PDB file of N, CA and C in Angstrom:
ATOM      1  N   GLN A   1     -33.496 -33.244-117.727  1.00  0.00           N
ATOM      2  CA  GLN A   1     -32.811 -35.084-116.634  1.00  0.00           C
ATOM      3  C   GLN A   1     -34.025 -36.528-117.038  1.00  0.00           C
ATOM      4  N   VAL A   2     -33.090 -36.213-118.274  1.00  0.00           N
ATOM      5  CA  VAL A   2     -34.421 -38.006-118.442  1.00  0.00           C
ATOM      6  C   VAL A   2     -34.489 -39.315-117.503  1.00  0.00           C
ATOM      7  N   GLN A   3     -34.713 -40.079-117.133  1.00  0.00           N
ATOM      8  CA  GLN A   3     -34.792 -40.970-116.331  1.00  0.00           C
ATOM      9  C   GLN A   3     -35.011 -41.319-117.102  1.00  0.00           C
ATOM     10  N   LEU A   4     -34.397 -42.807-117.068  1.00  0.00           N
ATOM     11  CA  LEU A   4     -34.992 -44.435-117.146  1.00  0.00           C
ATOM     12  C   LEU A   4     -35.028 -45.236-116.913  1.00  0.00           C
ATOM     13  N   VAL A   5     -35.736 -46.057-116.719  1.00  0.00           N
ATOM     14  CA  VAL A   5     -36.067 -47.013-115.736  1.00  0.00           C
ATOM     15  C   VAL A   5     -35.645 -48.007-116.344  1.00  0.00           C
ATOM     16  N   GLU A   6     -35.422 -49.915-115.760  1.00  0.00           N
ATOM     17  CA  GLU A   6     -35.314 -50.907-116.228  1.00  0.00           C
ATOM     18  C   GLU A   6     -36.138 -51.954-115.689  1.00  0.00           C
ATOM     19  N   SER A   7     -36.434 -52.494-116.414  1.00  0.00           N
ATOM     20  CA  SER A   7     -36.919 -54.050-115.549  1.00  0.00           C
ATOM     21  C   SER A   7     -37.457 -54.771-115.977  1.00  0.00           C
ATOM     22  N   GLY A   8     -37.971 -56.096-116.197  1.00  0.00           N
ATOM     23  CA  GLY A   8     -37.468 -57.258-116.870  1.00  0.00           C
ATOM     24  C   GLY A   8     -36.549 -58.762-116.595  1.00  0.00           C
ATOM     25  N   GLY A   9     -35.692 -57.874-115.382  1.00  0.00           N
ATOM     26  CA  GLY A   9     -34.491 -58.603-115.405  1.00  0.00           C
ATOM     27  C   GLY A   9     -34.886 -60.045-114.894  1.00  0.00           C
ATOM     28  N   GLY A  10     -33.768 -60.879-113.943  1.00  0.00           N
ATOM     29  CA  GLY A  10     -34.615 -62.009-113.544  1.00  0.00           C
ATOM     30  C   GLY A  10     -33.448 -63.836-113.859  1.00  0.00           C
ATOM     31  N   LEU A  11     -33.888 -63.609-113.029  1.00  0.00           N
ATOM     32  CA  LEU A  11     -32.763 -65.958-113.701  1.00  0.00           C
ATOM     33  C   LEU A  11     -33.551 -66.324-114.640  1.00  0.00           C
ATOM     34  N   VAL A  12     -33.056 -66.700-115.559  1.00  0.00           N
ATOM     35  CA  VAL A  12     -33.420 -67.872-116.358  1.00  0.00           C
ATOM     36  C   VAL A  12     -32.237 -69.186-116.601  1.00  0.00           C
ATOM     37  N   GLN A  13     -32.304 -70.036-116.603  1.00  0.00           N
ATOM     38  CA  GLN A  13     -32.518 -71.413-117.065  1.00  0.00           C
ATOM     39  C   GLN A  13     -32.099 -70.797-118.340  1.00  0.00           C
ATOM     40  N   PRO A  14     -30.551 -71.703-118.971  1.00  0.00           N
ATOM     41  CA  PRO A  14     -29.643 -71.650-120.118  1.00  0.00           C
ATOM     42  C   PRO A  14     -30.503 -71.885-120.983  1.00  0.00           C
ATOM     43  N   GLY A  15     -30.834 -71.262-122.412  1.00  0.00           N
ATOM     44  CA  GLY A  15     -31.761 -71.448-123.060  1.00  0.00           C
ATOM     45  C   GLY A  15     -32.315 -70.135-123.328  1.00  0.00           C
ATOM     46  N   GLY A  16     -33.682 -69.508-121.749  1.00  0.00           N
ATOM     47  CA  GLY A  16     -34.439 -68.954-121.999  1.00  0.00           C
ATOM     48  C   GLY A  16     -34.828 -67.965-122.773  1.00  0.00           C
ATOM     49  N   SER A  17     -35.804 -66.982-122.652  1.00  0.00           N
ATOM     50  CA  SER A  17     -35.830 -65.941-122.634  1.00  0.00           C
ATOM     51  C   SER A  17     -36.218 -65.031-121.215  1.00  0.00           C
ATOM     52  N   LEU A  18     -35.522 -63.743-121.902  1.00  0.00           N
ATOM     53  CA  LEU A  18     -36.259 -62.622-121.013  1.00  0.00           C
ATOM     54  C   LEU A  18     -36.437 -61.481-121.723  1.00  0.00           C
ATOM     55  N   ARG A  19     -37.521 -60.158-121.726  1.00  0.00           N
ATOM     56  CA  ARG A  19     -37.734 -59.149-122.579  1.00  0.00           C
ATOM     57  C   ARG A  19     -37.826 -57.892-121.231  1.00  0.00           C
ATOM     58  N   LEU A  20     -36.643 -57.127-121.663  1.00  0.00           N
ATOM     59  CA  LEU A  20     -35.844 -55.965-120.721  1.00  0.00           C
ATOM     60  C   LEU A  20     -36.706 -55.068-121.563  1.00  0.00           C
ATOM     61  N   SER A  21     -37.028 -54.545-120.315  1.00  0.00           N
ATOM     62  CA  SER A  21     -38.207 -52.809-121.292  1.00  0.00           C
ATOM     63  C   SER A  21     -36.832 -51.836-120.343  1.00  0.00           C
ATOM     64  N   CYS A  22     -37.210 -50.734-120.600  1.00  0.00           N
ATOM     65  CA  CYS A  22     -36.330 -49.474-120.473  1.00  0.00           C
ATOM     66  C   CYS A  22     -38.016 -48.792-120.036  1.00  0.00           C
ATOM     67  N   ALA A  23     -38.155 -47.126-119.432  1.00  0.00           N
ATOM     68  CA  ALA A  23     -39.761 -46.667-119.444  1.00  0.00           C
ATOM     69  C   ALA A  23     -38.708 -45.222-119.793  1.00  0.00           C
ATOM     70  N   ALA A  24     -39.091 -43.945-120.206  1.00  0.00           N
ATOM     71  CA  ALA A  24     -37.650 -42.835-120.003  1.00  0.00           C
ATOM     72  C   ALA A  24     -39.789 -41.696-119.790  1.00  0.00           C
ATOM     73  N   SER A  25     -38.789 -40.979-118.663  1.00  0.00           N
ATOM     74  CA  SER A  25     -39.157 -39.564-118.548  1.00  0.00           C
ATOM     75  C   SER A  25     -39.525 -38.835-119.931  1.00  0.00           C
ATOM     76  N   GLU A  26     -39.476 -38.884-120.178  1.00  0.00           N
ATOM     77  CA  GLU A  26     -39.356 -37.956-121.688  1.00  0.00           C
ATOM     78  C   GLU A  26     -40.338 -37.970-122.662  1.00  0.00           C
ATOM     79  N   THR A  27     -40.204 -37.583-123.629  1.00  0.00           N
ATOM     80  CA  THR A  27     -40.002 -38.151-124.610  1.00  0.00           C
ATOM     81  C   THR A  27     -39.364 -38.317-125.796  1.00  0.00           C
ATOM     82  N   ILE A  28     -39.479 -39.552-126.152  1.00  0.00           N
ATOM     83  CA  ILE A  28     -37.897 -40.258-127.359  1.00  0.00           C
ATOM     84  C   ILE A  28     -38.720 -39.753-127.909  1.00  0.00           C
ATOM     85  N   PHE A  29     -37.705 -40.163-129.589  1.00  0.00           N
ATOM     86  CA  PHE A  29     -37.489 -39.204-130.370  1.00  0.00           C
ATOM     87  C   PHE A  29     -36.941 -40.254-131.351  1.00  0.00           C
ATOM     88  N   SER A  30     -37.348 -40.711-132.802  1.00  0.00           N
ATOM     89  CA  SER A  30     -36.607 -41.392-133.410  1.00  0.00           C
ATOM     90  C   SER A  30     -34.310 -41.170-133.850  1.00  0.00           C
ATOM     91  N   THR A  31     -34.930 -39.872-133.658  1.00  0.00           N
ATOM     92  CA  THR A  31     -33.072 -39.642-133.960  1.00  0.00           C
ATOM     93  C   THR A  31     -32.657 -40.094-132.999  1.00  0.00           C
ATOM     94  N   ASP A  32     -33.155 -40.067-131.243  1.00  0.00           N
ATOM     95  CA  ASP A  32     -32.678 -40.416-130.088  1.00  0.00           C
ATOM     96  C   ASP A  32     -31.313 -41.271-130.496  1.00  0.00           C
ATOM     97  N   THR A  33     -29.769 -41.649-129.661  1.00  0.00           N
ATOM     98  CA  THR A  33     -29.145 -42.946-129.890  1.00  0.00           C
ATOM     99  C   THR A  33     -30.090 -43.965-128.388  1.00  0.00           C
ATOM    100  N   MET A  34     -29.809 -44.785-129.102  1.00  0.00           N
ATOM    101  CA  MET A  34     -30.778 -45.733-126.985  1.00  0.00           C
ATOM    102  C   MET A  34     -30.069 -46.669-127.175  1.00  0.00           C
ATOM    103  N   GLY A  35     -29.837 -47.712-126.063  1.00  0.00           N
ATOM    104  CA  GLY A  35     -28.847 -48.667-126.389  1.00  0.00           C
ATOM    105  C   GLY A  35     -28.480 -49.251-125.009  1.00  0.00           C
ATOM    106  N   TRP A  36     -28.494 -50.835-125.111  1.00  0.00           N
ATOM    107  CA  TRP A  36     -29.155 -52.192-123.731  1.00  0.00           C
ATOM    108  C   TRP A  36     -26.972 -51.853-123.429  1.00  0.00           C
ATOM    109  N   TYR A  37     -26.134 -51.443-123.142  1.00  0.00           N
ATOM    110  CA  TYR A  37     -25.433 -52.081-122.236  1.00  0.00           C
ATOM    111  C   TYR A  37     -25.077 -52.841-120.762  1.00  0.00           C
ATOM    112  N   ARG A  38     -24.740 -54.394-120.860  1.00  0.00           N
ATOM    113  CA  ARG A  38     -24.390 -54.886-119.567  1.00  0.00           C
ATOM    114  C   ARG A  38     -22.660 -54.551-118.880  1.00  0.00           C
ATOM    115  N   GLN A  39     -23.662 -54.702-118.228  1.00  0.00           N
ATOM    116  CA  GLN A  39     -21.592 -55.287-116.692  1.00  0.00           C
ATOM    117  C   GLN A  39     -21.499 -56.701-116.215  1.00  0.00           C
ATOM    118  N   ALA A  40     -20.420 -57.511-116.575  1.00  0.00           N
ATOM    119  CA  ALA A  40     -20.970 -58.693-115.578  1.00  0.00           C
ATOM    120  C   ALA A  40     -19.830 -58.441-114.484  1.00  0.00           C
ATOM    121  N   PRO A  41     -19.284 -59.715-113.410  1.00  0.00           N
ATOM    122  CA  PRO A  41     -18.710 -59.288-111.791  1.00  0.00           C
ATOM    123  C   PRO A  41     -17.612 -59.030-112.918  1.00  0.00           C
ATOM    124  N   GLY A  42     -16.712 -57.757-112.172  1.00  0.00           N
ATOM    125  CA  GLY A  42     -15.019 -57.910-112.845  1.00  0.00           C
ATOM    126  C   GLY A  42     -15.606 -57.512-114.334  1.00  0.00           C
ATOM    127  N   LYS A  43     -15.842 -57.069-114.765  1.00  0.00           N
ATOM    128  CA  LYS A  43     -15.924 -57.363-116.263  1.00  0.00           C
ATOM    129  C   LYS A  43     -16.232 -55.123-116.221  1.00  0.00           C
ATOM    130  N   GLN A  44     -15.088 -55.075-117.634  1.00  0.00           N
ATOM    131  CA  GLN A  44     -16.096 -53.567-117.721  1.00  0.00           C
ATOM    132  C   GLN A  44     -17.317 -53.561-118.583  1.00  0.00           C
ATOM    133  N   ARG A  45     -17.903 -52.161-118.272  1.00  0.00           N
ATOM    134  CA  ARG A  45     -19.681 -52.122-119.489  1.00  0.00           C
ATOM    135  C   ARG A  45     -18.929 -52.221-120.371  1.00  0.00           C
ATOM    136  N   GLU A  46     -20.019 -52.781-121.369  1.00  0.00           N
ATOM    137  CA  GLU A  46     -19.967 -53.770-122.828  1.00  0.00           C
ATOM    138  C   GLU A  46     -21.487 -52.569-123.540  1.00  0.00           C
ATOM    139  N   LEU A  47     -21.791 -52.717-124.742  1.00  0.00           N
ATOM    140  CA  LEU A  47     -22.993 -52.209-125.413  1.00  0.00           C
ATOM    141  C   LEU A  47     -22.857 -53.057-126.145  1.00  0.00           C
ATOM    142  N   ALA A  48     -24.637 -54.193-126.316  1.00  0.00           N
ATOM    143  CA  ALA A  48     -24.469 -55.127-126.028  1.00  0.00           C
ATOM    144  C   ALA A  48     -25.954 -54.632-127.521  1.00  0.00           C
ATOM    145  N   ALA A  49     -26.741 -54.093-127.465  1.00  0.00           N
ATOM    146  CA  ALA A  49     -27.346 -53.404-128.327  1.00  0.00           C
ATOM    147  C   ALA A  49     -28.167 -51.811-128.725  1.00  0.00           C
ATOM    148  N   VAL A  50     -28.050 -51.243-129.722  1.00  0.00           N
ATOM    149  CA  VAL A  50     -27.299 -49.587-130.249  1.00  0.00           C
ATOM    150  C   VAL A  50     -29.387 -49.830-131.148  1.00  0.00           C
ATOM    151  N   ILE A  51     -29.942 -48.697-131.338  1.00  0.00           N
ATOM    152  CA  ILE A  51     -30.391 -47.849-132.270  1.00  0.00           C
ATOM    153  C   ILE A  51     -30.017 -47.418-132.342  1.00  0.00           C
ATOM    154  N   ARG A  52     -30.617 -46.900-133.243  1.00  0.00           N
ATOM    155  CA  ARG A  52     -29.886 -45.338-134.001  1.00  0.00           C
ATOM    156  C   ARG A  52     -31.355 -44.748-135.073  1.00  0.00           C
ATOM    157  N   LEU A  53     -31.196 -43.494-135.459  1.00  0.00           N
ATOM    158  CA  LEU A  53     -32.333 -43.483-136.884  1.00  0.00           C
ATOM    159  C   LEU A  53     -31.848 -44.094-138.022  1.00  0.00           C
ATOM    160  N   GLY A  54     -30.903 -44.644-138.023  1.00  0.00           N
ATOM    161  CA  GLY A  54     -30.136 -45.221-138.686  1.00  0.00           C
ATOM    162  C   GLY A  54     -30.473 -47.363-139.314  1.00  0.00           C
ATOM    163  N   GLY A  55     -30.638 -47.549-137.604  1.00  0.00           N
ATOM    164  CA  GLY A  55     -31.327 -48.695-137.645  1.00  0.00           C
ATOM    165  C   GLY A  55     -30.277 -49.448-136.350  1.00  0.00           C
ATOM    166  N   THR A  56     -29.688 -50.742-136.259  1.00  0.00           N
ATOM    167  CA  THR A  56     -29.377 -51.021-135.105  1.00  0.00           C
ATOM    168  C   THR A  56     -28.109 -51.759-135.323  1.00  0.00           C
ATOM    169  N   ASN A  57     -27.153 -52.089-134.060  1.00  0.00           N
ATOM    170  CA  ASN A  57     -26.283 -52.840-134.312  1.00  0.00           C
ATOM    171  C   ASN A  57     -26.260 -53.517-133.163  1.00  0.00           C
ATOM    172  N   TYR A  58     -25.678 -54.901-132.937  1.00  0.00           N
ATOM    173  CA  TYR A  58     -25.377 -55.747-131.377  1.00  0.00           C
ATOM    174  C   TYR A  58     -23.832 -56.054-132.157  1.00  0.00           C
ATOM    175  N   ALA A  59     -23.014 -56.727-130.570  1.00  0.00           N
ATOM    176  CA  ALA A  59     -22.556 -57.335-130.065  1.00  0.00           C
ATOM    177  C   ALA A  59     -22.301 -58.689-131.137  1.00  0.00           C
ATOM    178  N   ASP A  60     -21.157 -58.568-131.475  1.00  0.00           N
ATOM    179  CA  ASP A  60     -20.845 -60.530-131.908  1.00  0.00           C
ATOM    180  C   ASP A  60     -21.203 -61.715-131.317  1.00  0.00           C
ATOM    181  N   SER A  61     -21.406 -61.597-129.189  1.00  0.00           N
ATOM    182  CA  SER A  61     -21.417 -62.177-128.570  1.00  0.00           C
ATOM    183  C   SER A  61     -23.380 -62.072-128.642  1.00  0.00           C
ATOM    184  N   VAL A  62     -24.340 -61.023-128.804  1.00  0.00           N
ATOM    185  CA  VAL A  62     -25.899 -61.227-128.692  1.00  0.00           C
ATOM    186  C   VAL A  62     -26.210 -61.137-130.305  1.00  0.00           C
ATOM    187  N   LYS A  63     -25.427 -60.853-131.433  1.00  0.00           N
ATOM    188  CA  LYS A  63     -26.252 -60.667-132.819  1.00  0.00           C
ATOM    189  C   LYS A  63     -26.558 -62.475-133.485  1.00  0.00           C
ATOM    190  N   GLY A  64     -28.177 -62.448-134.315  1.00  0.00           N
ATOM    191  CA  GLY A  64     -28.719 -63.092-133.600  1.00  0.00           C
ATOM    192  C   GLY A  64     -29.626 -63.905-132.227  1.00  0.00           C
ATOM    193  N   ARG A  65     -29.373 -63.544-131.576  1.00  0.00           N
ATOM    194  CA  ARG A  65     -29.755 -64.007-130.514  1.00  0.00           C
ATOM    195  C   ARG A  65     -31.068 -63.150-129.693  1.00  0.00           C
ATOM    196  N   PHE A  66     -30.442 -61.553-130.182  1.00  0.00           N
ATOM    197  CA  PHE A  66     -31.255 -60.483-128.889  1.00  0.00           C
ATOM    198  C   PHE A  66     -31.158 -59.495-129.862  1.00  0.00           C
ATOM    199  N   THR A  67     -32.585 -58.728-129.683  1.00  0.00           N
ATOM    200  CA  THR A  67     -33.126 -58.253-130.584  1.00  0.00           C
ATOM    201  C   THR A  67     -33.643 -56.875-129.579  1.00  0.00           C
ATOM    202  N   ILE A  68     -33.410 -55.061-130.161  1.00  0.00           N
ATOM    203  CA  ILE A  68     -33.764 -54.565-129.867  1.00  0.00           C
ATOM    204  C   ILE A  68     -34.578 -53.786-130.375  1.00  0.00           C
ATOM    205  N   SER A  69     -35.417 -52.595-130.242  1.00  0.00           N
ATOM    206  CA  SER A  69     -36.713 -51.962-129.983  1.00  0.00           C
ATOM    207  C   SER A  69     -36.746 -50.876-129.292  1.00  0.00           C
ATOM    208  N   ARG A  70     -37.662 -50.442-130.360  1.00  0.00           N
ATOM    209  CA  ARG A  70     -38.163 -49.256-129.167  1.00  0.00           C
ATOM    210  C   ARG A  70     -39.895 -48.909-129.413  1.00  0.00           C
ATOM    211  N   ASP A  71     -40.589 -47.747-129.144  1.00  0.00           N
ATOM    212  CA  ASP A  71     -41.564 -47.186-128.823  1.00  0.00           C
ATOM    213  C   ASP A  71     -41.326 -45.985-128.510  1.00  0.00           C
ATOM    214  N   THR A  72     -42.279 -45.190-128.986  1.00  0.00           N
ATOM    215  CA  THR A  72     -41.967 -44.006-129.123  1.00  0.00           C
ATOM    216  C   THR A  72     -42.776 -43.028-128.873  1.00  0.00           C
ATOM    217  N   ALA A  73     -43.903 -43.908-129.004  1.00  0.00           N
ATOM    218  CA  ALA A  73     -45.727 -43.110-128.168  1.00  0.00           C
ATOM    219  C   ALA A  73     -45.815 -43.248-127.020  1.00  0.00           C
ATOM    220  N   LYS A  74     -44.831 -44.736-126.566  1.00  0.00           N
ATOM    221  CA  LYS A  74     -44.894 -45.402-124.993  1.00  0.00           C
ATOM    222  C   LYS A  74     -43.509 -45.037-124.957  1.00  0.00           C
ATOM    223  N   LYS A  75     -43.033 -44.025-124.675  1.00  0.00           N
ATOM    224  CA  LYS A  75     -41.271 -43.361-124.513  1.00  0.00           C
ATOM    225  C   LYS A  75     -40.809 -45.135-123.753  1.00  0.00           C
ATOM    226  N   MET A  76     -40.515 -46.159-124.961  1.00  0.00           N
ATOM    227  CA  MET A  76     -40.161 -47.229-124.559  1.00  0.00           C
ATOM    228  C   MET A  76     -38.789 -48.213-125.456  1.00  0.00           C
ATOM    229  N   VAL A  77     -38.084 -48.895-124.693  1.00  0.00           N
ATOM    230  CA  VAL A  77     -37.259 -49.373-125.421  1.00  0.00           C
ATOM    231  C   VAL A  77     -36.923 -50.729-124.721  1.00  0.00           C
ATOM    232  N   TYR A  78     -37.038 -51.381-125.544  1.00  0.00           N
ATOM    233  CA  TYR A  78     -36.709 -53.162-125.514  1.00  0.00           C
ATOM    234  C   TYR A  78     -35.805 -53.287-126.053  1.00  0.00           C
ATOM    235  N   LEU A  79     -35.423 -55.376-124.847  1.00  0.00           N
ATOM    236  CA  LEU A  79     -34.325 -55.941-125.679  1.00  0.00           C
ATOM    237  C   LEU A  79     -34.752 -57.639-125.416  1.00  0.00           C
ATOM    238  N   GLN A  80     -35.116 -57.855-126.295  1.00  0.00           N
ATOM    239  CA  GLN A  80     -35.536 -59.343-126.009  1.00  0.00           C
ATOM    240  C   GLN A  80     -34.457 -59.598-126.411  1.00  0.00           C
ATOM    241  N   MET A  81     -34.587 -60.903-125.347  1.00  0.00           N
ATOM    242  CA  MET A  81     -32.898 -61.858-125.674  1.00  0.00           C
ATOM    243  C   MET A  81     -33.100 -63.594-125.364  1.00  0.00           C
ATOM    244  N   ASN A  82     -33.089 -64.521-126.391  1.00  0.00           N
ATOM    245  CA  ASN A  82     -33.431 -65.305-126.100  1.00  0.00           C
ATOM    246  C   ASN A  82     -32.466 -66.224-126.063  1.00  0.00           C
ATOM    247  N   SER A  83     -32.673 -67.409-126.649  1.00  0.00           N
ATOM    248  CA  SER A  83     -31.421 -68.526-126.486  1.00  0.00           C
ATOM    249  C   SER A  83     -29.881 -68.047-125.106  1.00  0.00           C
ATOM    250  N   LEU A  84     -30.166 -67.605-123.981  1.00  0.00           N
ATOM    251  CA  LEU A  84     -29.784 -67.130-123.379  1.00  0.00           C
ATOM    252  C   LEU A  84     -29.057 -67.941-122.304  1.00  0.00           C
ATOM    253  N   LYS A  85     -27.202 -67.441-122.629  1.00  0.00           N
ATOM    254  CA  LYS A  85     -26.499 -68.481-122.338  1.00  0.00           C
ATOM    255  C   LYS A  85     -26.042 -68.021-120.439  1.00  0.00           C
ATOM    256  N   PRO A  86     -25.464 -68.244-120.443  1.00  0.00           N
ATOM    257  CA  PRO A  86     -24.515 -68.081-118.551  1.00  0.00           C
ATOM    258  C   PRO A  86     -23.879 -66.555-118.767  1.00  0.00           C
ATOM    259  N   GLU A  87     -22.895 -66.978-119.871  1.00  0.00           N
ATOM    260  CA  GLU A  87     -22.125 -65.504-119.951  1.00  0.00           C
ATOM    261  C   GLU A  87     -23.179 -64.264-120.040  1.00  0.00           C
ATOM    262  N   ASP A  88     -24.380 -64.427-120.470  1.00  0.00           N
ATOM    263  CA  ASP A  88     -25.371 -63.289-120.668  1.00  0.00           C
ATOM    264  C   ASP A  88     -25.283 -63.366-119.258  1.00  0.00           C
ATOM    265  N   THR A  89     -25.088 -63.439-118.331  1.00  0.00           N
ATOM    266  CA  THR A  89     -24.920 -63.101-116.316  1.00  0.00           C
ATOM    267  C   THR A  89     -24.211 -61.970-116.268  1.00  0.00           C
ATOM    268  N   ALA A  90     -25.688 -60.568-116.801  1.00  0.00           N
ATOM    269  CA  ALA A  90     -24.525 -59.441-116.062  1.00  0.00           C
ATOM    270  C   ALA A  90     -26.043 -58.871-115.814  1.00  0.00           C
ATOM    271  N   VAL A  91     -25.486 -57.585-115.108  1.00  0.00           N
ATOM    272  CA  VAL A  91     -26.203 -55.800-114.918  1.00  0.00           C
ATOM    273  C   VAL A  91     -26.207 -55.483-116.437  1.00  0.00           C
ATOM    274  N   TYR A  92     -27.874 -55.481-116.389  1.00  0.00           N
ATOM    275  CA  TYR A  92     -27.857 -54.534-117.832  1.00  0.00           C
ATOM    276  C   TYR A  92     -28.759 -52.912-118.204  1.00  0.00           C
ATOM    277  N   TYR A  93     -28.159 -52.135-118.615  1.00  0.00           N
ATOM    278  CA  TYR A  93     -28.123 -50.455-118.030  1.00  0.00           C
ATOM    279  C   TYR A  93     -28.705 -49.882-119.584  1.00  0.00           C
ATOM    280  N   CYS A  94     -30.120 -49.371-118.870  1.00  0.00           N
ATOM    281  CA  CYS A  94     -30.216 -48.567-120.615  1.00  0.00           C
ATOM    282  C   CYS A  94     -29.424 -47.719-120.233  1.00  0.00           C
ATOM    283  N   TYR A  95     -30.112 -47.289-121.754  1.00  0.00           N
ATOM    284  CA  TYR A  95     -28.700 -45.703-122.582  1.00  0.00           C
ATOM    285  C   TYR A  95     -29.234 -44.892-123.219  1.00  0.00           C
ATOM    286  N   LEU A  96     -29.621 -43.470-123.509  1.00  0.00           N
ATOM    287  CA  LEU A  96     -30.081 -42.310-124.158  1.00  0.00           C
ATOM    288  C   LEU A  96     -28.653 -40.744-124.438  1.00  0.00           C
ATOM    289  N   ARG A  97     -28.950 -41.365-125.711  1.00  0.00           N
ATOM    290  CA  ARG A  97     -28.118 -39.990-125.823  1.00  0.00           C
ATOM    291  C   ARG A  97     -29.193 -39.298-127.126  1.00  0.00           C
ATOM    292  N   ARG A  98     -29.410 -37.848-126.844  1.00  0.00           N
ATOM    293  CA  ARG A  98     -30.236 -37.234-127.706  1.00  0.00           C
ATOM    294  C   ARG A  98     -29.040 -37.023-128.979  1.00  0.00           C
ATOM    295  N   ASN A  99     -29.640 -36.931-129.699  1.00  0.00           N
ATOM    296  CA  ASN A  99     -29.246 -36.621-131.220  1.00  0.00           C
ATOM    297  C   ASN A  99     -28.708 -34.640-130.752  1.00  0.00           C
ATOM    298  N   PHE A 100     -27.348 -34.792-131.280  1.00  0.00           N
ATOM    299  CA  PHE A 100     -25.838 -33.628-131.153  1.00  0.00           C
ATOM    300  C   PHE A 100     -25.827 -33.046-129.558  1.00  0.00           C
ATOM    301  N   ALA A 101     -26.072 -34.239-128.444  1.00  0.00           N
ATOM    302  CA  ALA A 101     -25.290 -34.536-127.730  1.00  0.00           C
ATOM    303  C   ALA A 101     -24.036 -35.230-127.384  1.00  0.00           C
ATOM    304  N   SER A 102     -23.128 -34.493-126.127  1.00  0.00           N
ATOM    305  CA  SER A 102     -21.746 -35.086-125.945  1.00  0.00           C
ATOM    306  C   SER A 102     -22.945 -35.454-124.488  1.00  0.00           C
ATOM    307  N   VAL A 103     -23.152 -36.167-124.617  1.00  0.00           N
ATOM    308  CA  VAL A 103     -23.691 -37.028-122.363  1.00  0.00           C
ATOM    309  C   VAL A 103     -24.922 -37.480-123.021  1.00  0.00           C
ATOM    310  N   GLY A 104     -25.151 -38.622-122.513  1.00  0.00           N
ATOM    311  CA  GLY A 104     -26.148 -39.076-121.988  1.00  0.00           C
ATOM    312  C   GLY A 104     -26.797 -39.968-121.104  1.00  0.00           C
ATOM    313  N   TYR A 105     -27.323 -40.927-121.090  1.00  0.00           N
ATOM    314  CA  TYR A 105     -28.236 -40.474-119.556  1.00  0.00           C
ATOM    315  C   TYR A 105     -28.205 -42.500-119.330  1.00  0.00           C
ATOM    316  N   TRP A 106     -28.353 -42.864-118.559  1.00  0.00           N
ATOM    317  CA  TRP A 106     -29.026 -43.990-117.671  1.00  0.00           C
ATOM    318  C   TRP A 106     -29.291 -44.054-116.685  1.00  0.00           C
ATOM    319  N   GLY A 107     -29.302 -45.706-117.159  1.00  0.00           N
ATOM    320  CA  GLY A 107     -30.741 -46.643-115.900  1.00  0.00           C
ATOM    321  C   GLY A 107     -29.835 -46.568-114.448  1.00  0.00           C
ATOM    322  N   GLN A 108     -30.929 -47.519-114.374  1.00  0.00           N
ATOM    323  CA  GLN A 108     -29.979 -47.435-112.096  1.00  0.00           C
ATOM    324  C   GLN A 108     -29.892 -49.324-113.190  1.00  0.00           C
ATOM    325  N   GLY A 109     -30.245 -50.463-114.070  1.00  0.00           N
ATOM    326  CA  GLY A 109     -29.650 -51.462-114.502  1.00  0.00           C
ATOM    327  C   GLY A 109     -31.130 -52.224-113.449  1.00  0.00           C
ATOM    328  N   THR A 110     -30.681 -53.406-113.547  1.00  0.00           N
ATOM    329  CA  THR A 110     -31.325 -54.731-113.654  1.00  0.00           C
ATOM    330  C   THR A 110     -30.879 -55.853-114.396  1.00  0.00           C
ATOM    331  N   GLN A 111     -30.684 -56.302-112.978  1.00  0.00           N
ATOM    332  CA  GLN A 111     -30.198 -57.905-113.130  1.00  0.00           C
ATOM    333  C   GLN A 111     -30.947 -58.936-113.478  1.00  0.00           C
ATOM    334  N   VAL A 112     -29.309 -59.599-114.949  1.00  0.00           N
ATOM    335  CA  VAL A 112     -30.248 -61.020-115.460  1.00  0.00           C
ATOM    336  C   VAL A 112     -29.458 -62.184-114.908  1.00  0.00           C
ATOM    337  N   THR A 113     -29.321 -62.807-114.900  1.00  0.00           N
ATOM    338  CA  THR A 113     -28.870 -63.647-114.329  1.00  0.00           C
ATOM    339  C   THR A 113     -29.471 -65.212-114.625  1.00  0.00           C
ATOM    340  N   VAL A 114     -28.147 -66.044-116.497  1.00  0.00           N
ATOM    341  CA  VAL A 114     -28.788 -67.058-116.517  1.00  0.00           C
ATOM    342  C   VAL A 114     -27.873 -68.749-115.903  1.00  0.00           C
ATOM    343  N   SER A 115     -28.323 -69.303-115.240  1.00  0.00           N
ATOM    344  CA  SER A 115     -27.948 -70.034-114.467  1.00  0.00           C
ATOM    345  C   SER A 115     -29.029 -72.170-114.734  1.00  0.00           C
ATOM    346  N   SER A 116     -28.766 -72.582-114.419  1.00  0.00           N
ATOM    347  CA  SER A 116     -29.550 -73.508-114.017  1.00  0.00           C
ATOM    348  C   SER A 116     -29.171 -74.029-112.577  1.00  0.00           C
TER     349      SER A 116
END
């Protein structure tokens, strides 16, 4: 059972930046699929960014503004968020799925609020 703990959320003004971090309780591998999902009030959870062995993918709404990365040695995955907009306000969840696994693991979420 892998535990994921997110941090780095908070209140930021439009146009600002935040970096979210996700710490894994066990070793992570470059073959793992790891991602950041977000859920705004009254909306379904959606994928923001994902990193796989073959590279990264982003939702169209965050492309060019968000960057996902990971450090396997530190068992960490990050989401750098720039040029934040009010519509980025959501709870952000870290996700990990082992290669060949059918289910994954979720963190507890961290709140990001973009408001002036």
